[in-house]
Amino acid sequence: MQHRTVFIVLIAALLAASGVALTQPDPGAAEPRMFGIGQPASIDDLPPGRIQQRLVALPPPARARALEWLQRLEFPAADLEVMQIDDQGGVLYIEPMLPSPLPGGEQD
């Protein structure tokens, strides 16, 4: 009986150790790119996309204002997908529109 208990404890320890190893982050994986605290220093520091195009299209005073906003905020590059820049250079987060519920569907 005592050998069986030792065996079960040993198996449990091995399973726990393997679970910890499986949940460790990949040391070679890149951290998500972050902006803020002085970054992006210029429009070229932003990944190509809608926000970069919008900044290029703005008049210089609005462009400078938007860059200042982006430098003061701290945000991951993925947030650029939900940001919008208005005509005055204000930076806004836009919540995506959810589809309307289908008629006859359950209401919460």
PDB file of N, CA and C in Angstrom:
ATOM      1  N   MET A   1       0.824  -1.197   0.000  1.00  0.00           N
ATOM      2  CA  MET A   1       0.000   0.000   0.000  1.00  0.00           C
ATOM      3  C   MET A   1       0.867   1.259   0.000  1.00  0.00           C
ATOM      4  N   GLN A   2       1.971   1.238   0.771  1.00  0.00           N
ATOM      5  CA  GLN A   2       2.828   2.407   0.849  1.00  0.00           C
ATOM      6  C   GLN A   2       3.507   2.677  -0.494  1.00  0.00           C
ATOM      7  N   HIS A   3       3.884   1.627  -1.241  1.00  0.00           N
ATOM      8  CA  HIS A   3       4.487   1.820  -2.556  1.00  0.00           C
ATOM      9  C   HIS A   3       3.491   2.467  -3.515  1.00  0.00           C
ATOM     10  N   ARG A   4       2.244   2.070  -3.379  1.00  0.00           N
ATOM     11  CA  ARG A   4       1.213   2.643  -4.252  1.00  0.00           C
ATOM     12  C   ARG A   4       1.049   4.138  -3.960  1.00  0.00           C
ATOM     13  N   THR A   5       1.070   4.540  -2.705  1.00  0.00           N
ATOM     14  CA  THR A   5       0.945   5.943  -2.328  1.00  0.00           C
ATOM     15  C   THR A   5       2.119   6.745  -2.867  1.00  0.00           C
ATOM     16  N   VAL A   6       3.323   6.219  -2.740  1.00  0.00           N
ATOM     17  CA  VAL A   6       4.505   6.894  -3.260  1.00  0.00           C
ATOM     18  C   VAL A   6       4.388   7.031  -4.776  1.00  0.00           C
ATOM     19  N   PHE A   7       3.923   5.996  -5.445  1.00  0.00           N
ATOM     20  CA  PHE A   7       3.756   6.016  -6.888  1.00  0.00           C
ATOM     21  C   PHE A   7       2.757   7.094  -7.305  1.00  0.00           C
ATOM     22  N   ILE A   8       1.648   7.185  -6.606  1.00  0.00           N
ATOM     23  CA  ILE A   8       0.613   8.173  -6.920  1.00  0.00           C
ATOM     24  C   ILE A   8       1.145   9.585  -6.694  1.00  0.00           C
ATOM     25  N   VAL A   9       1.864   9.794  -5.603  1.00  0.00           N
ATOM     26  CA  VAL A   9       2.444  11.118  -5.323  1.00  0.00           C
ATOM     27  C   VAL A   9       3.467  11.477  -6.400  1.00  0.00           C
ATOM     28  N   LEU A  10       4.274  10.511  -6.813  1.00  0.00           N
ATOM     29  CA  LEU A  10       5.269  10.748  -7.851  1.00  0.00           C
ATOM     30  C   LEU A  10       4.603  11.109  -9.173  1.00  0.00           C
ATOM     31  N   ILE A  11       3.566  10.382  -9.555  1.00  0.00           N
ATOM     32  CA  ILE A  11       2.831  10.678 -10.791  1.00  0.00           C
ATOM     33  C   ILE A  11       2.203  12.072 -10.707  1.00  0.00           C
ATOM     34  N   ALA A  12       1.600  12.398  -9.577  1.00  0.00           N
ATOM     35  CA  ALA A  12       0.979  13.713  -9.405  1.00  0.00           C
ATOM     36  C   ALA A  12       2.016  14.831  -9.525  1.00  0.00           C
ATOM     37  N   ALA A  13       3.198  14.629  -8.951  1.00  0.00           N
ATOM     38  CA  ALA A  13       4.261  15.636  -9.034  1.00  0.00           C
ATOM     39  C   ALA A  13       4.729  15.806 -10.478  1.00  0.00           C
ATOM     40  N   LEU A  14       4.874  14.707 -11.204  1.00  0.00           N
ATOM     41  CA  LEU A  14       5.289  14.783 -12.603  1.00  0.00           C
ATOM     42  C   LEU A  14       4.245  15.503 -13.456  1.00  0.00           C
ATOM     43  N   LEU A  15       2.979  15.197 -13.219  1.00  0.00           N
ATOM     44  CA  LEU A  15       1.914  15.864 -13.967  1.00  0.00           C
ATOM     45  C   LEU A  15       1.881  17.357 -13.656  1.00  0.00           C
ATOM     46  N   ALA A  16       2.066  17.707 -12.399  1.00  0.00           N
ATOM     47  CA  ALA A  16       2.062  19.120 -12.025  1.00  0.00           C
ATOM     48  C   ALA A  16       3.238  19.843 -12.665  1.00  0.00           C
ATOM     49  N   ALA A  17       4.409  19.214 -12.674  1.00  0.00           N
ATOM     50  CA  ALA A  17       5.590  19.833 -13.279  1.00  0.00           C
ATOM     51  C   ALA A  17       5.416  19.988 -14.783  1.00  0.00           C
ATOM     52  N   SER A  18       4.800  19.015 -15.434  1.00  0.00           N
ATOM     53  CA  SER A  18       4.601  19.123 -16.878  1.00  0.00           C
ATOM     54  C   SER A  18       3.582  20.211 -17.193  1.00  0.00           C
ATOM     55  N   GLY A  19       2.585  20.395 -16.349  1.00  0.00           N
ATOM     56  CA  GLY A  19       1.603  21.457 -16.547  1.00  0.00           C
ATOM     57  C   GLY A  19       2.235  22.820 -16.424  1.00  0.00           C
ATOM     58  N   VAL A  20       3.146  22.992 -15.490  1.00  0.00           N
ATOM     59  CA  VAL A  20       3.846  24.262 -15.323  1.00  0.00           C
ATOM     60  C   VAL A  20       4.707  24.528 -16.553  1.00  0.00           C
ATOM     61  N   ALA A  21       5.372  23.505 -17.050  1.00  0.00           N
ATOM     62  CA  ALA A  21       6.220  23.683 -18.228  1.00  0.00           C
ATOM     63  C   ALA A  21       5.386  24.052 -19.444  1.00  0.00           C
ATOM     64  N   LEU A  22       4.181  23.517 -19.548  1.00  0.00           N
ATOM     65  CA  LEU A  22       3.333  23.815 -20.695  1.00  0.00           C
ATOM     66  C   LEU A  22       2.796  25.238 -20.667  1.00  0.00           C
ATOM     67  N   THR A  23       2.670  25.835 -19.496  1.00  0.00           N
ATOM     68  CA  THR A  23       2.091  27.167 -19.401  1.00  0.00           C
ATOM     69  C   THR A  23       3.138  28.277 -19.407  1.00  0.00           C
ATOM     70  N   GLN A  24       4.406  27.954 -19.459  1.00  0.00           N
ATOM     71  CA  GLN A  24       5.450  28.966 -19.485  1.00  0.00           C
ATOM     72  C   GLN A  24       5.441  29.665 -20.838  1.00  0.00           C
ATOM     73  N   PRO A  25       5.607  30.989 -20.875  1.00  0.00           N
ATOM     74  CA  PRO A  25       5.652  31.699 -22.154  1.00  0.00           C
ATOM     75  C   PRO A  25       6.888  31.293 -22.944  1.00  0.00           C
ATOM     76  N   ASP A  26       6.770  31.364 -24.228  1.00  0.00           N
ATOM     77  CA  ASP A  26       7.872  31.050 -25.120  1.00  0.00           C
ATOM     78  C   ASP A  26       8.905  32.165 -25.012  1.00  0.00           C
ATOM     79  N   PRO A  27      10.135  31.837 -24.565  1.00  0.00           N
ATOM     80  CA  PRO A  27      11.127  32.906 -24.398  1.00  0.00           C
ATOM     81  C   PRO A  27      11.508  33.564 -25.720  1.00  0.00           C
ATOM     82  N   GLY A  28      11.293  32.883 -26.838  1.00  0.00           N
ATOM     83  CA  GLY A  28      11.619  33.464 -28.136  1.00  0.00           C
ATOM     84  C   GLY A  28      10.497  34.311 -28.708  1.00  0.00           C
ATOM     85  N   ALA A  29       9.313  34.262 -28.093  1.00  0.00           N
ATOM     86  CA  ALA A  29       8.171  35.022 -28.609  1.00  0.00           C
ATOM     87  C   ALA A  29       8.366  36.509 -28.320  1.00  0.00           C
ATOM     88  N   ALA A  30       8.027  37.314 -29.280  1.00  0.00           N
ATOM     89  CA  ALA A  30       8.177  38.763 -29.128  1.00  0.00           C
ATOM     90  C   ALA A  30       7.051  39.317 -28.266  1.00  0.00           C
ATOM     91  N   GLU A  31       7.396  40.282 -27.434  1.00  0.00           N
ATOM     92  CA  GLU A  31       6.388  40.986 -26.655  1.00  0.00           C
ATOM     93  C   GLU A  31       5.561  41.834 -27.611  1.00  0.00           C
ATOM     94  N   PRO A  32       4.272  42.053 -27.310  1.00  0.00           N
ATOM     95  CA  PRO A  32       3.494  42.934 -28.174  1.00  0.00           C
ATOM     96  C   PRO A  32       4.114  44.333 -28.173  1.00  0.00           C
ATOM     97  N   ARG A  33       4.149  44.950 -29.334  1.00  0.00           N
ATOM     98  CA  ARG A  33       4.748  46.287 -29.441  1.00  0.00           C
ATOM     99  C   ARG A  33       3.892  47.295 -28.689  1.00  0.00           C
ATOM    100  N   MET A  34       4.547  48.101 -27.889  1.00  0.00           N
ATOM    101  CA  MET A  34       3.863  49.116 -27.101  1.00  0.00           C
ATOM    102  C   MET A  34       4.273  50.499 -27.583  1.00  0.00           C
ATOM    103  N   PHE A  35       3.341  51.436 -27.456  1.00  0.00           N
ATOM    104  CA  PHE A  35       3.594  52.832 -27.769  1.00  0.00           C
ATOM    105  C   PHE A  35       3.309  53.655 -26.529  1.00  0.00           C
ATOM    106  N   GLY A  36       3.734  54.888 -26.562  1.00  0.00           N
ATOM    107  CA  GLY A  36       3.539  55.796 -25.441  1.00  0.00           C
ATOM    108  C   GLY A  36       4.877  56.188 -24.851  1.00  0.00           C
ATOM    109  N   ILE A  37       4.843  57.089 -23.889  1.00  0.00           N
ATOM    110  CA  ILE A  37       6.043  57.597 -23.242  1.00  0.00           C
ATOM    111  C   ILE A  37       7.055  58.036 -24.305  1.00  0.00           C
ATOM    112  N   GLY A  38       6.598  58.936 -25.184  1.00  0.00           N
ATOM    113  CA  GLY A  38       7.457  59.502 -26.213  1.00  0.00           C
ATOM    114  C   GLY A  38       7.430  58.761 -27.545  1.00  0.00           C
ATOM    115  N   GLN A  39       6.745  57.660 -27.624  1.00  0.00           N
ATOM    116  CA  GLN A  39       6.660  56.891 -28.874  1.00  0.00           C
ATOM    117  C   GLN A  39       5.221  56.900 -29.358  1.00  0.00           C
ATOM    118  N   PRO A  40       4.942  57.002 -30.588  1.00  0.00           N
ATOM    119  CA  PRO A  40       5.832  57.063 -31.736  1.00  0.00           C
ATOM    120  C   PRO A  40       6.468  58.447 -31.858  1.00  0.00           C
ATOM    121  N   ALA A  41       7.756  58.475 -32.164  1.00  0.00           N
ATOM    122  CA  ALA A  41       8.446  59.749 -32.330  1.00  0.00           C
ATOM    123  C   ALA A  41       8.051  60.416 -33.640  1.00  0.00           C
ATOM    124  N   SER A  42       7.659  59.597 -34.622  1.00  0.00           N
ATOM    125  CA  SER A  42       7.216  60.139 -35.904  1.00  0.00           C
ATOM    126  C   SER A  42       6.156  59.201 -36.490  1.00  0.00           C
ATOM    127  N   ILE A  43       5.522  59.654 -37.538  1.00  0.00           N
ATOM    128  CA  ILE A  43       4.498  58.843 -38.202  1.00  0.00           C
ATOM    129  C   ILE A  43       5.094  57.533 -38.698  1.00  0.00           C
ATOM    130  N   ASP A  44       6.343  57.573 -39.132  1.00  0.00           N
ATOM    131  CA  ASP A  44       6.996  56.367 -39.661  1.00  0.00           C
ATOM    132  C   ASP A  44       7.205  55.290 -38.601  1.00  0.00           C
ATOM    133  N   ASP A  45       7.132  55.648 -37.324  1.00  0.00           N
ATOM    134  CA  ASP A  45       7.281  54.657 -36.255  1.00  0.00           C
ATOM    135  C   ASP A  45       6.033  53.799 -36.090  1.00  0.00           C
ATOM    136  N   LEU A  46       4.913  54.240 -36.644  1.00  0.00           N
ATOM    137  CA  LEU A  46       3.667  53.476 -36.555  1.00  0.00           C
ATOM    138  C   LEU A  46       3.640  52.404 -37.641  1.00  0.00           C
ATOM    139  N   PRO A  47       2.989  51.286 -37.361  1.00  0.00           N
ATOM    140  CA  PRO A  47       2.856  50.286 -38.420  1.00  0.00           C
ATOM    141  C   PRO A  47       1.970  50.831 -39.539  1.00  0.00           C
ATOM    142  N   PRO A  48       2.224  50.416 -40.785  1.00  0.00           N
ATOM    143  CA  PRO A  48       1.371  50.880 -41.883  1.00  0.00           C
ATOM    144  C   PRO A  48      -0.089  50.522 -41.613  1.00  0.00           C
ATOM    145  N   GLY A  49      -0.963  51.450 -41.940  1.00  0.00           N
ATOM    146  CA  GLY A  49      -2.384  51.178 -41.725  1.00  0.00           C
ATOM    147  C   GLY A  49      -3.198  52.453 -41.714  1.00  0.00           C
ATOM    148  N   ARG A  50      -4.418  52.306 -41.236  1.00  0.00           N
ATOM    149  CA  ARG A  50      -5.393  53.389 -41.254  1.00  0.00           C
ATOM    150  C   ARG A  50      -4.937  54.608 -40.449  1.00  0.00           C
ATOM    151  N   ILE A  51      -4.380  54.397 -39.251  1.00  0.00           N
ATOM    152  CA  ILE A  51      -3.973  55.523 -38.400  1.00  0.00           C
ATOM    153  C   ILE A  51      -2.802  56.265 -39.033  1.00  0.00           C
ATOM    154  N   GLN A  52      -1.845  55.541 -39.563  1.00  0.00           N
ATOM    155  CA  GLN A  52      -0.717  56.189 -40.211  1.00  0.00           C
ATOM    156  C   GLN A  52      -1.192  57.008 -41.415  1.00  0.00           C
ATOM    157  N   GLN A  53      -2.100  56.455 -42.205  1.00  0.00           N
ATOM    158  CA  GLN A  53      -2.641  57.178 -43.369  1.00  0.00           C
ATOM    159  C   GLN A  53      -3.399  58.425 -42.934  1.00  0.00           C
ATOM    160  N   ARG A  54      -4.155  58.309 -41.856  1.00  0.00           N
ATOM    161  CA  ARG A  54      -4.915  59.450 -41.352  1.00  0.00           C
ATOM    162  C   ARG A  54      -3.978  60.573 -40.913  1.00  0.00           C
ATOM    163  N   LEU A  55      -2.907  60.224 -40.223  1.00  0.00           N
ATOM    164  CA  LEU A  55      -1.954  61.239 -39.774  1.00  0.00           C
ATOM    165  C   LEU A  55      -1.324  61.968 -40.960  1.00  0.00           C
ATOM    166  N   VAL A  56      -0.972  61.241 -41.989  1.00  0.00           N
ATOM    167  CA  VAL A  56      -0.376  61.848 -43.184  1.00  0.00           C
ATOM    168  C   VAL A  56      -1.354  62.829 -43.822  1.00  0.00           C
ATOM    169  N   ALA A  57      -2.645  62.523 -43.788  1.00  0.00           N
ATOM    170  CA  ALA A  57      -3.657  63.353 -44.440  1.00  0.00           C
ATOM    171  C   ALA A  57      -4.014  64.609 -43.639  1.00  0.00           C
ATOM    172  N   LEU A  58      -3.679  64.660 -42.366  1.00  0.00           N
ATOM    173  CA  LEU A  58      -4.035  65.811 -41.531  1.00  0.00           C
ATOM    174  C   LEU A  58      -3.146  67.012 -41.819  1.00  0.00           C
ATOM    175  N   PRO A  59      -3.686  68.233 -41.614  1.00  0.00           N
ATOM    176  CA  PRO A  59      -2.835  69.426 -41.691  1.00  0.00           C
ATOM    177  C   PRO A  59      -1.774  69.362 -40.580  1.00  0.00           C
ATOM    178  N   PRO A  60      -0.617  69.987 -40.778  1.00  0.00           N
ATOM    179  CA  PRO A  60       0.477  69.885 -39.801  1.00  0.00           C
ATOM    180  C   PRO A  60       0.105  70.174 -38.342  1.00  0.00           C
ATOM    181  N   PRO A  61      -0.699  71.211 -38.023  1.00  0.00           N
ATOM    182  CA  PRO A  61      -1.023  71.426 -36.603  1.00  0.00           C
ATOM    183  C   PRO A  61      -1.818  70.258 -35.993  1.00  0.00           C
ATOM    184  N   ALA A  62      -2.788  69.734 -36.739  1.00  0.00           N
ATOM    185  CA  ALA A  62      -3.583  68.605 -36.241  1.00  0.00           C
ATOM    186  C   ALA A  62      -2.723  67.346 -36.146  1.00  0.00           C
ATOM    187  N   ARG A  63      -1.824  67.157 -37.102  1.00  0.00           N
ATOM    188  CA  ARG A  63      -0.921  65.996 -37.084  1.00  0.00           C
ATOM    189  C   ARG A  63      -0.031  66.052 -35.835  1.00  0.00           C
ATOM    190  N   ALA A  64       0.508  67.229 -35.544  1.00  0.00           N
ATOM    191  CA  ALA A  64       1.362  67.377 -34.357  1.00  0.00           C
ATOM    192  C   ALA A  64       0.568  67.099 -33.083  1.00  0.00           C
ATOM    193  N   ARG A  65      -0.675  67.586 -33.026  1.00  0.00           N
ATOM    194  CA  ARG A  65      -1.524  67.357 -31.859  1.00  0.00           C
ATOM    195  C   ARG A  65      -1.796  65.863 -31.679  1.00  0.00           C
ATOM    196  N   ALA A  66      -2.097  65.167 -32.766  1.00  0.00           N
ATOM    197  CA  ALA A  66      -2.371  63.729 -32.692  1.00  0.00           C
ATOM    198  C   ALA A  66      -1.131  62.961 -32.242  1.00  0.00           C
ATOM    199  N   LEU A  67       0.030  63.314 -32.776  1.00  0.00           N
ATOM    200  CA  LEU A  67       1.263  62.640 -32.343  1.00  0.00           C
ATOM    201  C   LEU A  67       1.526  62.879 -30.864  1.00  0.00           C
ATOM    202  N   GLU A  68       1.255  64.092 -30.382  1.00  0.00           N
ATOM    203  CA  GLU A  68       1.423  64.372 -28.950  1.00  0.00           C
ATOM    204  C   GLU A  68       0.500  63.490 -28.116  1.00  0.00           C
ATOM    205  N   TRP A  69      -0.748  63.336 -28.557  1.00  0.00           N
ATOM    206  CA  TRP A  69      -1.692  62.449 -27.858  1.00  0.00           C
ATOM    207  C   TRP A  69      -1.147  61.026 -27.820  1.00  0.00           C
ATOM    208  N   LEU A  70      -0.718  60.536 -28.973  1.00  0.00           N
ATOM    209  CA  LEU A  70      -0.222  59.155 -29.046  1.00  0.00           C
ATOM    210  C   LEU A  70       1.028  58.961 -28.185  1.00  0.00           C
ATOM    211  N   GLN A  71       1.841  59.988 -28.049  1.00  0.00           N
ATOM    212  CA  GLN A  71       3.051  59.882 -27.233  1.00  0.00           C
ATOM    213  C   GLN A  71       2.732  59.898 -25.733  1.00  0.00           C
ATOM    214  N   ARG A  72       1.631  60.516 -25.353  1.00  0.00           N
ATOM    215  CA  ARG A  72       1.253  60.570 -23.933  1.00  0.00           C
ATOM    216  C   ARG A  72       0.514  59.321 -23.483  1.00  0.00           C
ATOM    217  N   LEU A  73      -0.210  58.685 -24.394  1.00  0.00           N
ATOM    218  CA  LEU A  73      -0.932  57.463 -24.055  1.00  0.00           C
ATOM    219  C   LEU A  73       0.043  56.300 -24.019  1.00  0.00           C
ATOM    220  N   GLU A  74      -0.291  55.263 -23.281  1.00  0.00           N
ATOM    221  CA  GLU A  74       0.475  54.019 -23.343  1.00  0.00           C
ATOM    222  C   GLU A  74      -0.488  52.953 -23.843  1.00  0.00           C
ATOM    223  N   PHE A  75      -0.159  52.363 -25.012  1.00  0.00           N
ATOM    224  CA  PHE A  75      -1.083  51.423 -25.632  1.00  0.00           C
ATOM    225  C   PHE A  75      -0.331  50.421 -26.498  1.00  0.00           C
ATOM    226  N   PRO A  76      -0.895  49.215 -26.627  1.00  0.00           N
ATOM    227  CA  PRO A  76      -0.292  48.230 -27.533  1.00  0.00           C
ATOM    228  C   PRO A  76      -0.651  48.559 -28.979  1.00  0.00           C
ATOM    229  N   ALA A  77       0.172  48.104 -29.903  1.00  0.00           N
ATOM    230  CA  ALA A  77      -0.068  48.351 -31.329  1.00  0.00           C
ATOM    231  C   ALA A  77      -1.441  47.855 -31.763  1.00  0.00           C
ATOM    232  N   ALA A  78      -1.942  46.795 -31.131  1.00  0.00           N
ATOM    233  CA  ALA A  78      -3.257  46.259 -31.497  1.00  0.00           C
ATOM    234  C   ALA A  78      -4.367  47.287 -31.281  1.00  0.00           C
ATOM    235  N   ASP A  79      -4.174  48.232 -30.358  1.00  0.00           N
ATOM    236  CA  ASP A  79      -5.194  49.259 -30.112  1.00  0.00           C
ATOM    237  C   ASP A  79      -5.375  50.192 -31.308  1.00  0.00           C
ATOM    238  N   LEU A  80      -4.406  50.255 -32.199  1.00  0.00           N
ATOM    239  CA  LEU A  80      -4.550  51.114 -33.379  1.00  0.00           C
ATOM    240  C   LEU A  80      -5.774  50.718 -34.199  1.00  0.00           C
ATOM    241  N   GLU A  81      -6.206  49.468 -34.078  1.00  0.00           N
ATOM    242  CA  GLU A  81      -7.379  48.999 -34.814  1.00  0.00           C
ATOM    243  C   GLU A  81      -8.673  49.632 -34.299  1.00  0.00           C
ATOM    244  N   VAL A  82      -8.687  50.075 -33.044  1.00  0.00           N
ATOM    245  CA  VAL A  82      -9.909  50.650 -32.468  1.00  0.00           C
ATOM    246  C   VAL A  82      -9.754  52.132 -32.141  1.00  0.00           C
ATOM    247  N   MET A  83      -8.718  52.752 -32.687  1.00  0.00           N
ATOM    248  CA  MET A  83      -8.511  54.188 -32.501  1.00  0.00           C
ATOM    249  C   MET A  83      -8.967  54.938 -33.738  1.00  0.00           C
ATOM    250  N   GLN A  84      -9.309  56.188 -33.506  1.00  0.00           N
ATOM    251  CA  GLN A  84      -9.678  57.085 -34.594  1.00  0.00           C
ATOM    252  C   GLN A  84      -9.077  58.441 -34.276  1.00  0.00           C
ATOM    253  N   ILE A  85      -8.701  59.176 -35.299  1.00  0.00           N
ATOM    254  CA  ILE A  85      -8.158  60.517 -35.114  1.00  0.00           C
ATOM    255  C   ILE A  85      -9.099  61.492 -35.802  1.00  0.00           C
ATOM    256  N   ASP A  86      -9.573  62.490 -35.032  1.00  0.00           N
ATOM    257  CA  ASP A  86     -10.520  63.453 -35.616  1.00  0.00           C
ATOM    258  C   ASP A  86      -9.769  64.547 -36.375  1.00  0.00           C
ATOM    259  N   ASP A  87     -10.523  65.468 -36.971  1.00  0.00           N
ATOM    260  CA  ASP A  87      -9.939  66.513 -37.821  1.00  0.00           C
ATOM    261  C   ASP A  87      -9.033  67.480 -37.056  1.00  0.00           C
ATOM    262  N   GLN A  88      -9.227  67.585 -35.750  1.00  0.00           N
ATOM    263  CA  GLN A  88      -8.398  68.483 -34.943  1.00  0.00           C
ATOM    264  C   GLN A  88      -7.176  67.780 -34.362  1.00  0.00           C
ATOM    265  N   GLY A  89      -7.030  66.476 -34.590  1.00  0.00           N
ATOM    266  CA  GLY A  89      -5.886  65.727 -34.062  1.00  0.00           C
ATOM    267  C   GLY A  89      -6.166  65.056 -32.738  1.00  0.00           C
ATOM    268  N   GLY A  90      -7.431  65.024 -32.340  1.00  0.00           N
ATOM    269  CA  GLY A  90      -7.795  64.298 -31.121  1.00  0.00           C
ATOM    270  C   GLY A  90      -7.804  62.802 -31.386  1.00  0.00           C
ATOM    271  N   VAL A  91      -7.328  62.037 -30.410  1.00  0.00           N
ATOM    272  CA  VAL A  91      -7.271  60.583 -30.540  1.00  0.00           C
ATOM    273  C   VAL A  91      -8.401  59.988 -29.711  1.00  0.00           C
ATOM    274  N   LEU A  92      -9.191  59.148 -30.357  1.00  0.00           N
ATOM    275  CA  LEU A  92     -10.359  58.546 -29.713  1.00  0.00           C
ATOM    276  C   LEU A  92     -10.304  57.031 -29.832  1.00  0.00           C
ATOM    277  N   TYR A  93     -10.785  56.360 -28.811  1.00  0.00           N
ATOM    278  CA  TYR A  93     -11.015  54.920 -28.897  1.00  0.00           C
ATOM    279  C   TYR A  93     -12.463  54.739 -29.336  1.00  0.00           C
ATOM    280  N   ILE A  94     -12.680  53.923 -30.337  1.00  0.00           N
ATOM    281  CA  ILE A  94     -14.017  53.672 -30.863  1.00  0.00           C
ATOM    282  C   ILE A  94     -14.399  52.235 -30.553  1.00  0.00           C
ATOM    283  N   GLU A  95     -15.528  52.073 -29.879  1.00  0.00           N
ATOM    284  CA  GLU A  95     -16.020  50.735 -29.575  1.00  0.00           C
ATOM    285  C   GLU A  95     -16.701  50.173 -30.819  1.00  0.00           C
ATOM    286  N   PRO A  96     -16.296  48.984 -31.245  1.00  0.00           N
ATOM    287  CA  PRO A  96     -16.923  48.413 -32.440  1.00  0.00           C
ATOM    288  C   PRO A  96     -18.419  48.208 -32.231  1.00  0.00           C
ATOM    289  N   MET A  97     -19.173  48.400 -33.300  1.00  0.00           N
ATOM    290  CA  MET A  97     -20.620  48.203 -33.241  1.00  0.00           C
ATOM    291  C   MET A  97     -20.917  46.706 -33.218  1.00  0.00           C
ATOM    292  N   LEU A  98     -21.766  46.310 -32.305  1.00  0.00           N
ATOM    293  CA  LEU A  98     -22.201  44.924 -32.247  1.00  0.00           C
ATOM    294  C   LEU A  98     -23.451  44.783 -33.135  1.00  0.00           C
ATOM    295  N   PRO A  99     -23.626  43.638 -33.756  1.00  0.00           N
ATOM    296  CA  PRO A  99     -24.813  43.472 -34.589  1.00  0.00           C
ATOM    297  C   PRO A  99     -26.078  43.528 -33.741  1.00  0.00           C
ATOM    298  N   SER A 100     -27.140  44.040 -34.342  1.00  0.00           N
ATOM    299  CA  SER A 100     -28.425  44.090 -33.647  1.00  0.00           C
ATOM    300  C   SER A 100     -28.945  42.682 -33.465  1.00  0.00           C
ATOM    301  N   PRO A 101     -29.669  42.448 -32.359  1.00  0.00           N
ATOM    302  CA  PRO A 101     -30.232  41.116 -32.171  1.00  0.00           C
ATOM    303  C   PRO A 101     -31.274  40.832 -33.264  1.00  0.00           C
ATOM    304  N   LEU A 102     -31.365  39.593 -33.630  1.00  0.00           N
ATOM    305  CA  LEU A 102     -32.350  39.188 -34.635  1.00  0.00           C
ATOM    306  C   LEU A 102     -33.756  39.297 -34.060  1.00  0.00           C
ATOM    307  N   PRO A 103     -34.735  39.676 -34.885  1.00  0.00           N
ATOM    308  CA  PRO A 103     -36.118  39.731 -34.375  1.00  0.00           C
ATOM    309  C   PRO A 103     -36.545  38.360 -33.857  1.00  0.00           C
ATOM    310  N   GLY A 104     -37.216  38.383 -32.738  1.00  0.00           N
ATOM    311  CA  GLY A 104     -37.698  37.135 -32.143  1.00  0.00           C
ATOM    312  C   GLY A 104     -36.653  36.450 -31.302  1.00  0.00           C
ATOM    313  N   GLY A 105     -35.429  37.008 -31.230  1.00  0.00           N
ATOM    314  CA  GLY A 105     -34.374  36.411 -30.403  1.00  0.00           C
ATOM    315  C   GLY A 105     -34.604  36.739 -28.958  1.00  0.00           C
ATOM    316  N   GLU A 106     -33.906  36.033 -28.092  1.00  0.00           N
ATOM    317  CA  GLU A 106     -34.034  36.260 -26.654  1.00  0.00           C
ATOM    318  C   GLU A 106     -33.389  37.589 -26.277  1.00  0.00           C
ATOM    319  N   GLN A 107     -34.012  38.296 -25.382  1.00  0.00           N
ATOM    320  CA  GLN A 107     -33.483  39.554 -24.852  1.00  0.00           C
ATOM    321  C   GLN A 107     -32.875  39.280 -23.491  1.00  0.00           C
ATOM    322  N   ASP A 108     -31.763  39.941 -23.154  1.00  0.00           N
ATOM    323  CA  ASP A 108     -31.147  39.763 -21.831  1.00  0.00           C
ATOM    324  C   ASP A 108     -31.872  40.571 -20.798  1.00  0.00           C
TER     325      ASP A 108
END
